[in-house]
Amino acid sequence: MDWFGKRKESSVTIGARGHVMVVRDTVAELKNALDCMVKGDAVAAVKCTERLMLCEKEADRIEDKLCAEISRGELSVQERENLIRFVRQTDKVANWAKEGAIYLQLLNETNAKVPVEIWSELAHMTDELIEEIKFLVGAIENMNADPKKVFGEIDSLNDQERIIDGLYFTCIKHAHLSEMDPRGLYLVDELIEAIEMAADSGKSCGDAINIMLISRGV
């Protein structure tokens, strides 16, 4: 990936993939926590969110290191801005997963009565988000070898984001048609929104890759 710079190409390339993998681990822990809530195991869900926080912190550390590497690379100002935007958008996926985990914890701590069907729909949304991130990983892995495959992965990523959009509206509707108390409904709404925003950030990562490829005349 020559747009990652020359002297710093190897370390930044490896770092970008590693960053996405840690972001995926962060989302996976949110999925694990939601699966625990489906089973009614709030204690196990808390342990998942604790691991999630550690993953998100590691993602932040890699983000800072990557941005420093990019700043020292032999890049034009525009290339540097495009790359840093990509790294920042990638990290936002983990940030939103962390937000979701915080709302899940609040739902537990306030003893909110959330229907199991809602937990199941939230877990499904997060499972689809993991699939979206897999397409992002595929795009990164193919950037140096086959740009056509990169565009294909990004198309699949965008399709996946649309699937999550559909699930978002369904979950919102079911939550508001349920008999949850106002506080529980508010927290569930925020959790749903966090997952949706993570998916939107994933799509923005794909858009950033498209911009980088097009700017290189690919």
N, C-alpha and C. Protein backbone atom coordinates (compact mmCIF):
# COMPACT_ATOMS: atom_id res chain seq x y z
N MET A 1 0.85 -1.19 0.00
CA MET A 1 0.00 0.00 0.00
C MET A 1 0.89 1.24 0.00
N ASP A 2 1.27 1.68 -1.18
CA ASP A 2 2.24 2.76 -1.25
C ASP A 2 1.70 4.07 -0.70
N TRP A 3 0.35 4.20 -0.57
CA TRP A 3 -0.20 5.44 -0.01
C TRP A 3 0.00 5.49 1.50
N PHE A 4 0.48 4.42 2.10
CA PHE A 4 0.81 4.44 3.52
C PHE A 4 2.22 5.00 3.75
N GLY A 5 2.82 5.51 2.70
CA GLY A 5 4.15 6.08 2.85
C GLY A 5 5.19 5.12 2.35
N LYS A 6 6.45 5.52 2.35
CA LYS A 6 7.52 4.69 1.85
C LYS A 6 8.30 4.08 3.01
N ARG A 7 9.00 4.90 3.76
CA ARG A 7 9.77 4.37 4.87
C ARG A 7 8.87 3.68 5.89
N LYS A 8 7.67 4.18 6.07
CA LYS A 8 6.80 3.68 7.12
C LYS A 8 5.76 2.69 6.59
N GLU A 9 5.89 2.30 5.33
CA GLU A 9 4.84 1.49 4.70
C GLU A 9 4.53 0.22 5.49
N SER A 10 5.53 -0.56 5.81
CA SER A 10 5.30 -1.85 6.45
C SER A 10 4.63 -1.70 7.81
N SER A 11 5.16 -0.85 8.67
CA SER A 11 4.63 -0.72 10.02
C SER A 11 3.22 -0.15 10.01
N VAL A 12 2.94 0.79 9.13
CA VAL A 12 1.60 1.39 9.08
C VAL A 12 0.60 0.41 8.49
N THR A 13 1.01 -0.34 7.47
CA THR A 13 0.12 -1.34 6.87
C THR A 13 -0.28 -2.38 7.91
N ILE A 14 0.71 -2.91 8.60
CA ILE A 14 0.43 -3.90 9.64
C ILE A 14 -0.42 -3.28 10.75
N GLY A 15 -0.10 -2.05 11.11
CA GLY A 15 -0.84 -1.37 12.16
C GLY A 15 -2.30 -1.13 11.80
N ALA A 16 -2.56 -0.78 10.54
CA ALA A 16 -3.94 -0.53 10.10
C ALA A 16 -4.78 -1.79 10.20
N ARG A 17 -4.21 -2.91 9.77
CA ARG A 17 -4.94 -4.17 9.87
C ARG A 17 -5.13 -4.55 11.34
N GLY A 18 -4.07 -4.40 12.13
CA GLY A 18 -4.17 -4.72 13.54
C GLY A 18 -5.21 -3.86 14.25
N HIS A 19 -5.29 -2.60 13.85
CA HIS A 19 -6.28 -1.69 14.44
C HIS A 19 -7.69 -2.19 14.17
N VAL A 20 -7.95 -2.55 12.92
CA VAL A 20 -9.29 -3.03 12.56
C VAL A 20 -9.62 -4.32 13.31
N MET A 21 -8.63 -5.19 13.48
CA MET A 21 -8.88 -6.45 14.18
C MET A 21 -9.24 -6.20 15.65
N VAL A 22 -8.58 -5.24 16.29
CA VAL A 22 -8.92 -4.91 17.68
C VAL A 22 -10.30 -4.27 17.75
N VAL A 23 -10.63 -3.45 16.77
CA VAL A 23 -11.97 -2.86 16.70
C VAL A 23 -13.01 -3.97 16.57
N ARG A 24 -12.71 -4.96 15.73
CA ARG A 24 -13.64 -6.09 15.58
C ARG A 24 -13.80 -6.84 16.90
N ASP A 25 -12.70 -7.02 17.63
CA ASP A 25 -12.78 -7.68 18.94
C ASP A 25 -13.66 -6.88 19.90
N THR A 26 -13.59 -5.56 19.82
CA THR A 26 -14.41 -4.70 20.67
C THR A 26 -15.89 -4.94 20.39
N VAL A 27 -16.24 -4.95 19.11
CA VAL A 27 -17.64 -5.19 18.72
C VAL A 27 -18.07 -6.61 19.10
N ALA A 28 -17.15 -7.56 18.95
CA ALA A 28 -17.48 -8.95 19.29
C ALA A 28 -17.82 -9.09 20.77
N GLU A 29 -17.14 -8.33 21.63
CA GLU A 29 -17.46 -8.39 23.06
C GLU A 29 -18.84 -7.78 23.34
N LEU A 30 -19.23 -6.77 22.57
CA LEU A 30 -20.59 -6.24 22.71
C LEU A 30 -21.60 -7.31 22.32
N LYS A 31 -21.32 -8.02 21.24
CA LYS A 31 -22.20 -9.12 20.81
C LYS A 31 -22.27 -10.19 21.90
N ASN A 32 -21.13 -10.54 22.48
CA ASN A 32 -21.12 -11.54 23.55
C ASN A 32 -21.96 -11.08 24.74
N ALA A 33 -21.85 -9.80 25.08
CA ALA A 33 -22.62 -9.26 26.20
C ALA A 33 -24.12 -9.34 25.91
N LEU A 34 -24.50 -9.01 24.69
CA LEU A 34 -25.92 -9.06 24.32
C LEU A 34 -26.43 -10.49 24.30
N ASP A 35 -25.60 -11.42 23.85
CA ASP A 35 -25.99 -12.84 23.89
C ASP A 35 -26.23 -13.28 25.33
N CYS A 36 -25.40 -12.79 26.24
CA CYS A 36 -25.60 -13.11 27.66
C CYS A 36 -26.92 -12.56 28.18
N MET A 37 -27.28 -11.36 27.72
CA MET A 37 -28.55 -10.76 28.15
C MET A 37 -29.73 -11.54 27.60
N VAL A 38 -29.59 -12.07 26.39
CA VAL A 38 -30.65 -12.92 25.83
C VAL A 38 -30.88 -14.12 26.75
N LYS A 39 -29.80 -14.65 27.31
CA LYS A 39 -29.88 -15.81 28.21
C LYS A 39 -30.22 -15.42 29.64
N GLY A 40 -30.31 -14.11 29.90
CA GLY A 40 -30.63 -13.65 31.24
C GLY A 40 -29.46 -13.68 32.20
N ASP A 41 -28.24 -13.73 31.67
CA ASP A 41 -27.04 -13.81 32.50
C ASP A 41 -26.35 -12.44 32.55
N ALA A 42 -26.84 -11.58 33.43
CA ALA A 42 -26.32 -10.22 33.52
C ALA A 42 -24.89 -10.19 34.05
N VAL A 43 -24.54 -11.12 34.92
CA VAL A 43 -23.18 -11.15 35.48
C VAL A 43 -22.16 -11.41 34.38
N ALA A 44 -22.45 -12.38 33.52
CA ALA A 44 -21.55 -12.69 32.41
C ALA A 44 -21.49 -11.52 31.43
N ALA A 45 -22.62 -10.83 31.25
CA ALA A 45 -22.65 -9.68 30.34
C ALA A 45 -21.71 -8.58 30.84
N VAL A 46 -21.68 -8.36 32.14
CA VAL A 46 -20.79 -7.34 32.71
C VAL A 46 -19.33 -7.70 32.43
N LYS A 47 -18.98 -8.97 32.55
CA LYS A 47 -17.61 -9.39 32.27
C LYS A 47 -17.24 -9.13 30.82
N CYS A 48 -18.20 -9.34 29.92
CA CYS A 48 -17.97 -9.05 28.50
C CYS A 48 -17.72 -7.56 28.28
N THR A 49 -18.52 -6.73 28.94
CA THR A 49 -18.33 -5.28 28.76
C THR A 49 -17.01 -4.81 29.35
N GLU A 50 -16.55 -5.47 30.40
CA GLU A 50 -15.24 -5.12 30.97
C GLU A 50 -14.12 -5.44 29.98
N ARG A 51 -14.23 -6.59 29.31
CA ARG A 51 -13.24 -6.94 28.27
C ARG A 51 -13.34 -5.97 27.11
N LEU A 52 -14.57 -5.57 26.79
CA LEU A 52 -14.78 -4.60 25.71
C LEU A 52 -14.02 -3.31 25.99
N MET A 53 -14.11 -2.83 27.22
CA MET A 53 -13.43 -1.58 27.57
C MET A 53 -11.92 -1.69 27.36
N LEU A 54 -11.36 -2.84 27.68
CA LEU A 54 -9.93 -3.06 27.47
C LEU A 54 -9.58 -3.06 25.99
N CYS A 55 -10.43 -3.69 25.18
CA CYS A 55 -10.21 -3.71 23.73
C CYS A 55 -10.28 -2.30 23.15
N GLU A 56 -11.27 -1.53 23.61
CA GLU A 56 -11.43 -0.17 23.09
C GLU A 56 -10.23 0.70 23.46
N LYS A 57 -9.71 0.49 24.65
CA LYS A 57 -8.52 1.24 25.08
C LYS A 57 -7.32 0.88 24.20
N GLU A 58 -7.19 -0.40 23.86
CA GLU A 58 -6.11 -0.83 22.98
C GLU A 58 -6.28 -0.25 21.58
N ALA A 59 -7.53 -0.18 21.11
CA ALA A 59 -7.79 0.43 19.80
C ALA A 59 -7.37 1.89 19.80
N ASP A 60 -7.65 2.60 20.88
CA ASP A 60 -7.22 4.00 20.99
C ASP A 60 -5.70 4.12 20.95
N ARG A 61 -5.02 3.20 21.63
CA ARG A 61 -3.55 3.23 21.65
C ARG A 61 -2.98 3.04 20.25
N ILE A 62 -3.55 2.08 19.51
CA ILE A 62 -3.08 1.83 18.14
C ILE A 62 -3.40 3.02 17.25
N GLU A 63 -4.57 3.62 17.45
CA GLU A 63 -4.94 4.81 16.67
C GLU A 63 -3.89 5.91 16.83
N ASP A 64 -3.52 6.18 18.06
CA ASP A 64 -2.52 7.23 18.32
C ASP A 64 -1.18 6.90 17.66
N LYS A 65 -0.77 5.65 17.76
CA LYS A 65 0.51 5.23 17.17
C LYS A 65 0.47 5.34 15.65
N LEU A 66 -0.65 4.90 15.06
CA LEU A 66 -0.79 4.95 13.60
C LEU A 66 -0.75 6.39 13.09
N CYS A 67 -1.47 7.26 13.76
CA CYS A 67 -1.49 8.66 13.31
C CYS A 67 -0.10 9.29 13.40
N ALA A 68 0.66 8.89 14.41
CA ALA A 68 2.04 9.39 14.52
C ALA A 68 2.89 8.86 13.38
N GLU A 69 2.72 7.58 13.03
CA GLU A 69 3.47 6.97 11.93
C GLU A 69 3.13 7.66 10.61
N ILE A 70 1.85 7.90 10.39
CA ILE A 70 1.41 8.55 9.15
C ILE A 70 1.98 9.96 9.05
N SER A 71 2.01 10.66 10.15
CA SER A 71 2.52 12.03 10.15
C SER A 71 4.00 12.09 9.77
N ARG A 72 4.74 11.01 10.07
CA ARG A 72 6.16 10.98 9.76
C ARG A 72 6.45 10.34 8.41
N GLY A 73 5.41 9.84 7.72
CA GLY A 73 5.61 9.20 6.42
C GLY A 73 5.87 10.20 5.32
N GLU A 74 6.37 9.70 4.19
CA GLU A 74 6.67 10.56 3.04
C GLU A 74 5.41 10.69 2.18
N LEU A 75 4.47 11.48 2.66
CA LEU A 75 3.17 11.61 2.03
C LEU A 75 2.87 13.06 1.72
N SER A 76 1.98 13.25 0.75
CA SER A 76 1.48 14.60 0.51
C SER A 76 0.51 14.95 1.63
N VAL A 77 0.20 16.23 1.74
CA VAL A 77 -0.73 16.67 2.77
C VAL A 77 -2.08 15.98 2.60
N GLN A 78 -2.57 15.89 1.35
CA GLN A 78 -3.87 15.27 1.10
C GLN A 78 -3.87 13.79 1.46
N GLU A 79 -2.80 13.09 1.08
CA GLU A 79 -2.71 11.67 1.41
C GLU A 79 -2.70 11.46 2.92
N ARG A 80 -1.96 12.30 3.59
CA ARG A 80 -1.89 12.20 5.05
C ARG A 80 -3.26 12.43 5.67
N GLU A 81 -3.97 13.43 5.19
CA GLU A 81 -5.31 13.73 5.72
C GLU A 81 -6.27 12.57 5.45
N ASN A 82 -6.20 11.99 4.25
CA ASN A 82 -7.08 10.87 3.91
C ASN A 82 -6.83 9.68 4.81
N LEU A 83 -5.56 9.38 5.05
CA LEU A 83 -5.21 8.24 5.90
C LEU A 83 -5.62 8.45 7.34
N ILE A 84 -5.36 9.63 7.85
CA ILE A 84 -5.73 9.90 9.24
C ILE A 84 -7.25 9.86 9.40
N ARG A 85 -7.97 10.35 8.40
CA ARG A 85 -9.44 10.29 8.44
C ARG A 85 -9.90 8.83 8.49
N PHE A 86 -9.24 7.98 7.71
CA PHE A 86 -9.59 6.55 7.71
C PHE A 86 -9.35 5.93 9.09
N VAL A 87 -8.20 6.22 9.68
CA VAL A 87 -7.88 5.67 10.99
C VAL A 87 -8.87 6.16 12.04
N ARG A 88 -9.20 7.44 12.00
CA ARG A 88 -10.14 8.02 12.96
C ARG A 88 -11.53 7.38 12.83
N GLN A 89 -11.98 7.20 11.58
CA GLN A 89 -13.29 6.58 11.37
C GLN A 89 -13.31 5.14 11.85
N THR A 90 -12.20 4.43 11.63
CA THR A 90 -12.11 3.05 12.11
C THR A 90 -12.26 3.01 13.63
N ASP A 91 -11.58 3.92 14.30
CA ASP A 91 -11.63 3.93 15.76
C ASP A 91 -13.01 4.31 16.29
N LYS A 92 -13.76 5.08 15.50
CA LYS A 92 -15.11 5.45 15.93
C LYS A 92 -16.01 4.23 16.08
N VAL A 93 -15.75 3.18 15.30
CA VAL A 93 -16.55 1.96 15.44
C VAL A 93 -16.40 1.41 16.86
N ALA A 94 -15.15 1.36 17.33
CA ALA A 94 -14.90 0.89 18.70
C ALA A 94 -15.49 1.84 19.73
N ASN A 95 -15.40 3.14 19.46
CA ASN A 95 -15.96 4.13 20.39
C ASN A 95 -17.46 3.95 20.56
N TRP A 96 -18.14 3.70 19.44
CA TRP A 96 -19.59 3.51 19.52
C TRP A 96 -19.95 2.19 20.19
N ALA A 97 -19.12 1.16 19.99
CA ALA A 97 -19.34 -0.10 20.70
C ALA A 97 -19.22 0.12 22.21
N LYS A 98 -18.26 0.93 22.60
CA LYS A 98 -18.09 1.26 24.02
C LYS A 98 -19.33 2.00 24.54
N GLU A 99 -19.84 2.95 23.74
CA GLU A 99 -21.06 3.66 24.14
C GLU A 99 -22.20 2.66 24.36
N GLY A 100 -22.33 1.72 23.43
CA GLY A 100 -23.37 0.71 23.57
C GLY A 100 -23.21 -0.10 24.85
N ALA A 101 -21.97 -0.44 25.18
CA ALA A 101 -21.71 -1.21 26.39
C ALA A 101 -22.09 -0.42 27.64
N ILE A 102 -21.85 0.88 27.61
CA ILE A 102 -22.21 1.73 28.76
C ILE A 102 -23.72 1.71 28.98
N TYR A 103 -24.49 1.81 27.89
CA TYR A 103 -25.94 1.78 28.03
C TYR A 103 -26.43 0.41 28.47
N LEU A 104 -25.76 -0.64 28.02
CA LEU A 104 -26.11 -1.99 28.47
C LEU A 104 -25.88 -2.10 29.98
N GLN A 105 -24.76 -1.58 30.45
CA GLN A 105 -24.47 -1.61 31.88
C GLN A 105 -25.53 -0.83 32.67
N LEU A 106 -25.94 0.31 32.14
CA LEU A 106 -26.96 1.11 32.82
C LEU A 106 -28.30 0.38 32.87
N LEU A 107 -28.62 -0.33 31.81
CA LEU A 107 -29.85 -1.13 31.81
C LEU A 107 -29.79 -2.18 32.91
N ASN A 108 -28.63 -2.78 33.10
CA ASN A 108 -28.47 -3.76 34.17
C ASN A 108 -28.57 -3.11 35.55
N GLU A 109 -27.86 -2.00 35.71
CA GLU A 109 -27.79 -1.36 37.03
C GLU A 109 -29.12 -0.77 37.47
N THR A 110 -29.96 -0.40 36.51
CA THR A 110 -31.28 0.16 36.84
C THR A 110 -32.37 -0.91 36.86
N ASN A 111 -31.96 -2.17 36.64
CA ASN A 111 -32.91 -3.29 36.63
C ASN A 111 -34.05 -3.08 35.64
N ALA A 112 -33.71 -2.52 34.50
CA ALA A 112 -34.72 -2.29 33.46
C ALA A 112 -35.25 -3.62 32.94
N LYS A 113 -36.54 -3.69 32.73
CA LYS A 113 -37.18 -4.91 32.23
C LYS A 113 -37.26 -4.84 30.70
N VAL A 114 -36.25 -5.40 30.07
CA VAL A 114 -36.18 -5.39 28.61
C VAL A 114 -36.66 -6.74 28.09
N PRO A 115 -37.65 -6.76 27.20
CA PRO A 115 -38.12 -8.03 26.64
C PRO A 115 -36.98 -8.79 25.97
N VAL A 116 -36.98 -10.10 26.12
CA VAL A 116 -35.91 -10.91 25.53
C VAL A 116 -35.85 -10.74 24.02
N GLU A 117 -37.01 -10.46 23.41
CA GLU A 117 -37.03 -10.26 21.96
C GLU A 117 -36.20 -9.04 21.55
N ILE A 118 -36.21 -8.01 22.38
CA ILE A 118 -35.41 -6.82 22.09
C ILE A 118 -33.92 -7.14 22.22
N TRP A 119 -33.56 -7.87 23.27
CA TRP A 119 -32.16 -8.28 23.41
C TRP A 119 -31.72 -9.10 22.20
N SER A 120 -32.59 -9.98 21.73
CA SER A 120 -32.26 -10.82 20.57
C SER A 120 -32.04 -9.97 19.32
N GLU A 121 -32.89 -8.96 19.13
CA GLU A 121 -32.74 -8.09 17.96
C GLU A 121 -31.46 -7.26 18.05
N LEU A 122 -31.12 -6.82 19.24
CA LEU A 122 -29.87 -6.08 19.43
C LEU A 122 -28.66 -6.97 19.14
N ALA A 123 -28.73 -8.22 19.59
CA ALA A 123 -27.64 -9.16 19.31
C ALA A 123 -27.51 -9.41 17.82
N HIS A 124 -28.66 -9.49 17.14
CA HIS A 124 -28.65 -9.70 15.69
C HIS A 124 -28.02 -8.51 14.98
N MET A 125 -28.39 -7.31 15.39
CA MET A 125 -27.78 -6.10 14.80
C MET A 125 -26.26 -6.13 14.94
N THR A 126 -25.80 -6.51 16.12
CA THR A 126 -24.36 -6.51 16.38
C THR A 126 -23.66 -7.61 15.60
N ASP A 127 -24.32 -8.73 15.42
CA ASP A 127 -23.76 -9.80 14.59
C ASP A 127 -23.57 -9.32 13.16
N GLU A 128 -24.54 -8.59 12.64
CA GLU A 128 -24.42 -8.04 11.29
C GLU A 128 -23.32 -6.98 11.23
N LEU A 129 -23.11 -6.25 12.32
CA LEU A 129 -22.03 -5.27 12.37
C LEU A 129 -20.67 -5.97 12.28
N ILE A 130 -20.54 -7.11 12.93
CA ILE A 130 -19.29 -7.88 12.83
C ILE A 130 -19.04 -8.29 11.39
N GLU A 131 -20.10 -8.69 10.69
CA GLU A 131 -19.95 -9.05 9.27
C GLU A 131 -19.47 -7.84 8.46
N GLU A 132 -20.01 -6.67 8.77
CA GLU A 132 -19.58 -5.45 8.07
C GLU A 132 -18.08 -5.22 8.27
N ILE A 133 -17.61 -5.41 9.49
CA ILE A 133 -16.19 -5.20 9.77
C ILE A 133 -15.34 -6.23 9.04
N LYS A 134 -15.84 -7.44 8.87
CA LYS A 134 -15.09 -8.46 8.12
C LYS A 134 -14.84 -7.99 6.69
N PHE A 135 -15.83 -7.33 6.10
CA PHE A 135 -15.64 -6.79 4.74
C PHE A 135 -14.59 -5.68 4.75
N LEU A 136 -14.57 -4.89 5.81
CA LEU A 136 -13.55 -3.84 5.93
C LEU A 136 -12.16 -4.46 6.02
N VAL A 137 -12.03 -5.53 6.80
CA VAL A 137 -10.75 -6.24 6.89
C VAL A 137 -10.33 -6.75 5.52
N GLY A 138 -11.30 -7.33 4.79
CA GLY A 138 -11.00 -7.83 3.45
C GLY A 138 -10.53 -6.74 2.52
N ALA A 139 -11.13 -5.56 2.63
CA ALA A 139 -10.71 -4.43 1.78
C ALA A 139 -9.27 -4.04 2.07
N ILE A 140 -8.92 -3.96 3.34
CA ILE A 140 -7.56 -3.59 3.72
C ILE A 140 -6.56 -4.63 3.23
N GLU A 141 -6.90 -5.90 3.39
CA GLU A 141 -5.97 -6.97 3.02
C GLU A 141 -5.72 -7.04 1.52
N ASN A 142 -6.65 -6.54 0.72
CA ASN A 142 -6.51 -6.62 -0.74
C ASN A 142 -6.00 -5.34 -1.38
N MET A 143 -5.80 -4.30 -0.60
CA MET A 143 -5.42 -3.01 -1.19
C MET A 143 -4.11 -3.07 -1.95
N ASN A 144 -3.18 -3.86 -1.48
CA ASN A 144 -1.88 -3.95 -2.13
C ASN A 144 -1.88 -4.93 -3.29
N ALA A 145 -2.82 -5.89 -3.26
CA ALA A 145 -2.80 -6.97 -4.23
C ALA A 145 -3.81 -6.81 -5.37
N ASP A 146 -5.03 -6.42 -5.05
CA ASP A 146 -6.09 -6.43 -6.06
C ASP A 146 -7.13 -5.34 -5.75
N PRO A 147 -6.95 -4.14 -6.32
CA PRO A 147 -7.90 -3.05 -6.07
C PRO A 147 -9.33 -3.40 -6.44
N LYS A 148 -9.52 -4.25 -7.47
CA LYS A 148 -10.89 -4.63 -7.85
C LYS A 148 -11.58 -5.37 -6.71
N LYS A 149 -10.82 -6.22 -6.02
CA LYS A 149 -11.40 -6.91 -4.87
C LYS A 149 -11.73 -5.94 -3.76
N VAL A 150 -10.92 -4.90 -3.65
CA VAL A 150 -11.20 -3.87 -2.63
C VAL A 150 -12.55 -3.24 -2.88
N PHE A 151 -12.81 -2.86 -4.12
CA PHE A 151 -14.11 -2.25 -4.45
C PHE A 151 -15.25 -3.22 -4.18
N GLY A 152 -15.01 -4.51 -4.46
CA GLY A 152 -16.03 -5.52 -4.18
C GLY A 152 -16.32 -5.64 -2.70
N GLU A 153 -15.27 -5.62 -1.90
CA GLU A 153 -15.44 -5.70 -0.44
C GLU A 153 -16.20 -4.48 0.08
N ILE A 154 -15.89 -3.32 -0.48
CA ILE A 154 -16.57 -2.10 -0.04
C ILE A 154 -18.04 -2.12 -0.44
N ASP A 155 -18.33 -2.64 -1.64
CA ASP A 155 -19.74 -2.79 -2.04
C ASP A 155 -20.48 -3.69 -1.05
N SER A 156 -19.83 -4.79 -0.66
CA SER A 156 -20.45 -5.70 0.31
C SER A 156 -20.62 -5.03 1.66
N LEU A 157 -19.64 -4.23 2.04
CA LEU A 157 -19.72 -3.47 3.29
C LEU A 157 -20.92 -2.53 3.27
N ASN A 158 -21.11 -1.84 2.15
CA ASN A 158 -22.24 -0.91 2.03
C ASN A 158 -23.57 -1.65 2.08
N ASP A 159 -23.62 -2.83 1.44
CA ASP A 159 -24.84 -3.64 1.50
C ASP A 159 -25.13 -4.05 2.95
N GLN A 160 -24.08 -4.39 3.66
CA GLN A 160 -24.23 -4.81 5.05
C GLN A 160 -24.74 -3.66 5.91
N GLU A 161 -24.25 -2.46 5.65
CA GLU A 161 -24.71 -1.29 6.40
C GLU A 161 -26.20 -1.05 6.17
N ARG A 162 -26.66 -1.31 4.95
CA ARG A 162 -28.10 -1.15 4.66
C ARG A 162 -28.93 -2.20 5.40
N ILE A 163 -28.38 -3.40 5.55
CA ILE A 163 -29.08 -4.43 6.33
C ILE A 163 -29.24 -3.96 7.78
N ILE A 164 -28.18 -3.39 8.32
CA ILE A 164 -28.23 -2.90 9.70
C ILE A 164 -29.22 -1.75 9.83
N ASP A 165 -29.30 -0.90 8.82
CA ASP A 165 -30.30 0.18 8.82
C ASP A 165 -31.70 -0.39 8.97
N GLY A 166 -31.99 -1.44 8.21
CA GLY A 166 -33.30 -2.07 8.29
C GLY A 166 -33.58 -2.64 9.68
N LEU A 167 -32.58 -3.29 10.25
CA LEU A 167 -32.73 -3.85 11.60
C LEU A 167 -32.90 -2.75 12.64
N TYR A 168 -32.23 -1.63 12.40
CA TYR A 168 -32.33 -0.48 13.31
C TYR A 168 -33.78 -0.01 13.42
N PHE A 169 -34.43 0.18 12.29
CA PHE A 169 -35.82 0.66 12.31
C PHE A 169 -36.76 -0.37 12.93
N THR A 170 -36.52 -1.64 12.64
CA THR A 170 -37.35 -2.70 13.21
C THR A 170 -37.22 -2.74 14.73
N CYS A 171 -35.98 -2.65 15.20
CA CYS A 171 -35.73 -2.71 16.64
C CYS A 171 -36.31 -1.50 17.36
N ILE A 172 -36.16 -0.32 16.76
CA ILE A 172 -36.75 0.89 17.34
C ILE A 172 -38.26 0.74 17.46
N LYS A 173 -38.88 0.25 16.40
CA LYS A 173 -40.34 0.08 16.41
C LYS A 173 -40.78 -0.88 17.51
N HIS A 174 -40.12 -2.02 17.59
CA HIS A 174 -40.50 -3.02 18.59
C HIS A 174 -40.27 -2.50 20.01
N ALA A 175 -39.20 -1.74 20.19
CA ALA A 175 -38.94 -1.18 21.52
C ALA A 175 -40.05 -0.22 21.94
N HIS A 176 -40.50 0.62 21.01
CA HIS A 176 -41.53 1.61 21.34
C HIS A 176 -42.92 1.00 21.44
N LEU A 177 -43.10 -0.18 20.87
CA LEU A 177 -44.38 -0.87 21.00
C LEU A 177 -44.42 -1.78 22.22
N SER A 178 -43.28 -1.90 22.90
CA SER A 178 -43.22 -2.75 24.09
C SER A 178 -43.76 -1.99 25.30
N GLU A 179 -43.78 -2.66 26.44
CA GLU A 179 -44.29 -2.05 27.67
C GLU A 179 -43.15 -1.65 28.61
N MET A 180 -41.99 -1.34 28.05
CA MET A 180 -40.88 -0.89 28.88
C MET A 180 -41.20 0.46 29.53
N ASP A 181 -40.64 0.68 30.72
CA ASP A 181 -40.81 1.97 31.37
C ASP A 181 -39.99 3.02 30.62
N PRO A 182 -40.30 4.31 30.79
CA PRO A 182 -39.63 5.37 30.02
C PRO A 182 -38.10 5.36 30.14
N ARG A 183 -37.59 5.11 31.34
CA ARG A 183 -36.13 5.10 31.51
C ARG A 183 -35.50 3.95 30.74
N GLY A 184 -36.10 2.77 30.84
CA GLY A 184 -35.59 1.62 30.11
C GLY A 184 -35.65 1.83 28.61
N LEU A 185 -36.76 2.43 28.15
CA LEU A 185 -36.92 2.69 26.72
C LEU A 185 -35.86 3.66 26.23
N TYR A 186 -35.58 4.69 27.02
CA TYR A 186 -34.55 5.66 26.64
C TYR A 186 -33.19 4.98 26.49
N LEU A 187 -32.83 4.15 27.45
CA LEU A 187 -31.53 3.48 27.41
C LEU A 187 -31.43 2.50 26.25
N VAL A 188 -32.52 1.80 25.98
CA VAL A 188 -32.53 0.88 24.83
C VAL A 188 -32.39 1.66 23.54
N ASP A 189 -33.11 2.78 23.43
CA ASP A 189 -32.98 3.63 22.23
C ASP A 189 -31.52 4.04 22.01
N GLU A 190 -30.86 4.43 23.09
CA GLU A 190 -29.46 4.87 22.98
C GLU A 190 -28.55 3.71 22.59
N LEU A 191 -28.83 2.52 23.09
CA LEU A 191 -28.04 1.34 22.72
C LEU A 191 -28.23 1.01 21.25
N ILE A 192 -29.47 1.06 20.78
CA ILE A 192 -29.74 0.82 19.36
C ILE A 192 -29.01 1.86 18.51
N GLU A 193 -29.07 3.11 18.93
CA GLU A 193 -28.43 4.19 18.19
C GLU A 193 -26.92 3.99 18.13
N ALA A 194 -26.33 3.52 19.22
CA ALA A 194 -24.88 3.31 19.25
C ALA A 194 -24.46 2.25 18.23
N ILE A 195 -25.23 1.18 18.12
CA ILE A 195 -24.91 0.14 17.14
C ILE A 195 -25.06 0.68 15.73
N GLU A 196 -26.11 1.45 15.50
CA GLU A 196 -26.32 2.06 14.18
C GLU A 196 -25.18 3.02 13.83
N MET A 197 -24.74 3.81 14.78
CA MET A 197 -23.66 4.75 14.52
C MET A 197 -22.34 4.03 14.26
N ALA A 198 -22.13 2.90 14.92
CA ALA A 198 -20.94 2.09 14.64
C ALA A 198 -20.96 1.60 13.20
N ALA A 199 -22.15 1.18 12.74
CA ALA A 199 -22.28 0.74 11.35
C ALA A 199 -22.04 1.89 10.38
N ASP A 200 -22.55 3.07 10.70
CA ASP A 200 -22.31 4.24 9.85
C ASP A 200 -20.82 4.58 9.78
N SER A 201 -20.14 4.45 10.91
CA SER A 201 -18.70 4.72 10.93
C SER A 201 -17.94 3.70 10.08
N GLY A 202 -18.40 2.45 10.11
CA GLY A 202 -17.79 1.43 9.25
C GLY A 202 -17.95 1.77 7.78
N LYS A 203 -19.12 2.27 7.42
CA LYS A 203 -19.34 2.69 6.04
C LYS A 203 -18.43 3.85 5.68
N SER A 204 -18.23 4.77 6.61
CA SER A 204 -17.33 5.90 6.36
C SER A 204 -15.90 5.43 6.12
N CYS A 205 -15.51 4.33 6.77
CA CYS A 205 -14.18 3.75 6.52
C CYS A 205 -14.08 3.29 5.07
N GLY A 206 -15.13 2.63 4.59
CA GLY A 206 -15.14 2.20 3.19
C GLY A 206 -15.09 3.38 2.24
N ASP A 207 -15.81 4.44 2.57
CA ASP A 207 -15.78 5.65 1.74
C ASP A 207 -14.36 6.24 1.70
N ALA A 208 -13.68 6.20 2.85
CA ALA A 208 -12.32 6.74 2.91
C ALA A 208 -11.36 5.93 2.03
N ILE A 209 -11.53 4.60 2.03
CA ILE A 209 -10.70 3.76 1.17
C ILE A 209 -10.97 4.07 -0.29
N ASN A 210 -12.25 4.24 -0.64
CA ASN A 210 -12.60 4.61 -2.02
C ASN A 210 -11.90 5.89 -2.43
N ILE A 211 -11.92 6.87 -1.57
CA ILE A 211 -11.28 8.16 -1.87
C ILE A 211 -9.78 7.97 -2.09
N MET A 212 -9.15 7.16 -1.24
CA MET A 212 -7.71 6.94 -1.38
C MET A 212 -7.37 6.25 -2.70
N LEU A 213 -8.19 5.27 -3.08
CA LEU A 213 -7.94 4.56 -4.33
C LEU A 213 -8.15 5.47 -5.53
N ILE A 214 -9.25 6.21 -5.53
CA ILE A 214 -9.57 7.08 -6.66
C ILE A 214 -8.52 8.18 -6.80
N SER A 215 -8.04 8.70 -5.66
CA SER A 215 -7.02 9.75 -5.71
C SER A 215 -5.71 9.23 -6.30
N ARG A 216 -5.53 7.91 -6.25
CA ARG A 216 -4.34 7.29 -6.83
C ARG A 216 -4.57 6.86 -8.28
N GLY A 217 -5.76 7.14 -8.79
CA GLY A 217 -6.06 6.80 -10.17
C GLY A 217 -6.32 5.33 -10.41
N VAL A 218 -6.73 4.62 -9.36
CA VAL A 218 -7.00 3.18 -9.50
C VAL A 218 -8.38 2.97 -10.11
